[in-house]
Amino acid sequence: MFAYSDDGQHFLGCRVNTFGKVQVVYDCAGTKRKVYDVEASNVTSTIVFDTIKDAVNQRRVMPAVFTALSLQNIHLQESL
């Protein structure tokens, strides 16, 4: 599941890795790719995807994701 901003500069995706952990992938203009692990065991990718659909067109994309998820008591940590 993924979403692009209206201007095409921002990409947010949601995936489940091989260990079953939900991750958020962010890319800005094809140059700044970051992967974040969802730090909660009972979170589905659908919950995260609903958040990223709303956040991808915000002025500050990742702060919008962090804020929206933290309001639901879901936290992200940058993946290594």
C-alpha atoms as a PDB file:
ATOM      1  CA  MET A   1       0.000   0.000   0.000  1.00  0.00           C
ATOM      2  CA  PHE A   2       1.418   3.366  -0.937  1.00  0.00           C
ATOM      3  CA  ALA A   3       0.519   6.958  -1.712  1.00  0.00           C
ATOM      4  CA  TYR A   4       2.173   9.793  -3.633  1.00  0.00           C
ATOM      5  CA  SER A   5       1.695  13.474  -2.876  1.00  0.00           C
ATOM      6  CA  ASP A   6      -0.273  15.517  -5.396  1.00  0.00           C
ATOM      7  CA  ASP A   7       2.955  17.101  -6.679  1.00  0.00           C
ATOM      8  CA  GLY A   8       4.671  13.698  -6.996  1.00  0.00           C
ATOM      9  CA  GLN A   9       7.584  14.702  -4.755  1.00  0.00           C
ATOM     10  CA  HIS A  10       6.704  12.598  -1.704  1.00  0.00           C
ATOM     11  CA  PHE A  11       6.124   8.858  -1.456  1.00  0.00           C
ATOM     12  CA  LEU A  12       4.803   7.065   1.611  1.00  0.00           C
ATOM     13  CA  GLY A  13       4.367   3.323   1.673  1.00  0.00           C
ATOM     14  CA  CYS A  14       3.349   0.716   4.173  1.00  0.00           C
ATOM     15  CA  ARG A  15       4.677  -2.836   4.032  1.00  0.00           C
ATOM     16  CA  VAL A  16       5.118  -5.937   6.127  1.00  0.00           C
ATOM     17  CA  ASN A  17       8.705  -7.223   6.197  1.00  0.00           C
ATOM     18  CA  THR A  18       9.733 -10.896   6.144  1.00  0.00           C
ATOM     19  CA  PHE A  19       9.535 -11.052   9.941  1.00  0.00           C
ATOM     20  CA  GLY A  20       5.916  -9.839   9.942  1.00  0.00           C
ATOM     21  CA  LYS A  21       6.737  -6.354  11.215  1.00  0.00           C
ATOM     22  CA  VAL A  22       4.830  -3.388   9.751  1.00  0.00           C
ATOM     23  CA  GLN A  23       7.079  -0.700   8.243  1.00  0.00           C
ATOM     24  CA  VAL A  24       6.599   2.782   6.813  1.00  0.00           C
ATOM     25  CA  VAL A  25       8.748   3.807   3.830  1.00  0.00           C
ATOM     26  CA  TYR A  26       9.248   7.499   3.017  1.00  0.00           C
ATOM     27  CA  ASP A  27      10.976   8.983  -0.002  1.00  0.00           C
ATOM     28  CA  CYS A  28      11.331  12.629  -0.956  1.00  0.00           C
ATOM     29  CA  ALA A  29      11.993  13.348  -4.633  1.00  0.00           C
ATOM     30  CA  GLY A  30      13.772  10.009  -5.045  1.00  0.00           C
ATOM     31  CA  THR A  31      16.717  11.098  -2.907  1.00  0.00           C
ATOM     32  CA  LYS A  32      15.835  10.758   0.775  1.00  0.00           C
ATOM     33  CA  ARG A  33      14.609   7.234   1.439  1.00  0.00           C
ATOM     34  CA  LYS A  34      13.931   6.248   5.041  1.00  0.00           C
ATOM     35  CA  VAL A  35      12.358   3.109   6.501  1.00  0.00           C
ATOM     36  CA  TYR A  36      10.644   3.123   9.890  1.00  0.00           C
ATOM     37  CA  ASP A  37       9.521   0.168  12.001  1.00  0.00           C
ATOM     38  CA  VAL A  38       6.145   0.371  13.705  1.00  0.00           C
ATOM     39  CA  GLU A  39       6.822  -0.177  17.409  1.00  0.00           C
ATOM     40  CA  ALA A  40       3.592  -1.955  18.309  1.00  0.00           C
ATOM     41  CA  SER A  41       2.759  -5.603  17.897  1.00  0.00           C
ATOM     42  CA  ASN A  42      -0.984  -5.362  17.238  1.00  0.00           C
ATOM     43  CA  VAL A  43      -0.994  -2.712  14.490  1.00  0.00           C
ATOM     44  CA  THR A  44      -2.233  -3.667  11.051  1.00  0.00           C
ATOM     45  CA  SER A  45      -0.943  -2.174   7.825  1.00  0.00           C
ATOM     46  CA  THR A  46      -4.469  -0.856   7.150  1.00  0.00           C
ATOM     47  CA  ILE A  47      -4.335   1.438  10.195  1.00  0.00           C
ATOM     48  CA  VAL A  48      -0.957   2.793   9.114  1.00  0.00           C
ATOM     49  CA  PHE A  49      -2.051   3.179   5.482  1.00  0.00           C
ATOM     50  CA  ASP A  50      -5.056   5.299   6.467  1.00  0.00           C
ATOM     51  CA  THR A  51      -2.648   7.615   8.289  1.00  0.00           C
ATOM     52  CA  ILE A  52      -0.167   7.916   5.436  1.00  0.00           C
ATOM     53  CA  LYS A  53      -2.914   8.674   2.887  1.00  0.00           C
ATOM     54  CA  ASP A  54      -3.809  11.743   4.926  1.00  0.00           C
ATOM     55  CA  ALA A  55      -0.231  12.781   5.726  1.00  0.00           C
ATOM     56  CA  VAL A  56       1.342  12.538   2.268  1.00  0.00           C
ATOM     57  CA  ASN A  57      -0.047  15.926   1.167  1.00  0.00           C
ATOM     58  CA  GLN A  58       0.816  17.801   4.357  1.00  0.00           C
ATOM     59  CA  ARG A  59       3.520  20.473   4.228  1.00  0.00           C
ATOM     60  CA  ARG A  60       5.738  18.472   6.606  1.00  0.00           C
ATOM     61  CA  VAL A  61       5.021  14.867   5.686  1.00  0.00           C
ATOM     62  CA  MET A  62       6.883  12.810   8.294  1.00  0.00           C
ATOM     63  CA  PRO A  63       6.023  15.027  11.272  1.00  0.00           C
ATOM     64  CA  ALA A  64       2.378  14.603  10.222  1.00  0.00           C
ATOM     65  CA  VAL A  65       2.801  10.817  10.208  1.00  0.00           C
ATOM     66  CA  PHE A  66       4.534  10.786  13.598  1.00  0.00           C
ATOM     67  CA  THR A  67       1.856  13.020  15.141  1.00  0.00           C
ATOM     68  CA  ALA A  68      -1.111  11.108  13.731  1.00  0.00           C
ATOM     69  CA  LEU A  69       0.270   7.738  14.789  1.00  0.00           C
ATOM     70  CA  SER A  70       1.344   8.899  18.245  1.00  0.00           C
ATOM     71  CA  LEU A  71      -2.228  10.101  18.865  1.00  0.00           C
ATOM     72  CA  GLN A  72      -3.211   6.447  18.393  1.00  0.00           C
ATOM     73  CA  ASN A  73      -0.382   5.359  20.728  1.00  0.00           C
ATOM     74  CA  ILE A  74       1.635   3.968  17.796  1.00  0.00           C
ATOM     75  CA  HIS A  75       5.300   4.893  17.537  1.00  0.00           C
ATOM     76  CA  LEU A  76       7.863   4.635  14.754  1.00  0.00           C
ATOM     77  CA  GLN A  77      11.580   4.001  14.992  1.00  0.00           C
ATOM     78  CA  GLU A  78      14.011   4.339  12.115  1.00  0.00           C
ATOM     79  CA  SER A  79      14.964   0.911  10.788  1.00  0.00           C
ATOM     80  CA  LEU A  80      18.623  -0.032  10.640  1.00  0.00           C
END
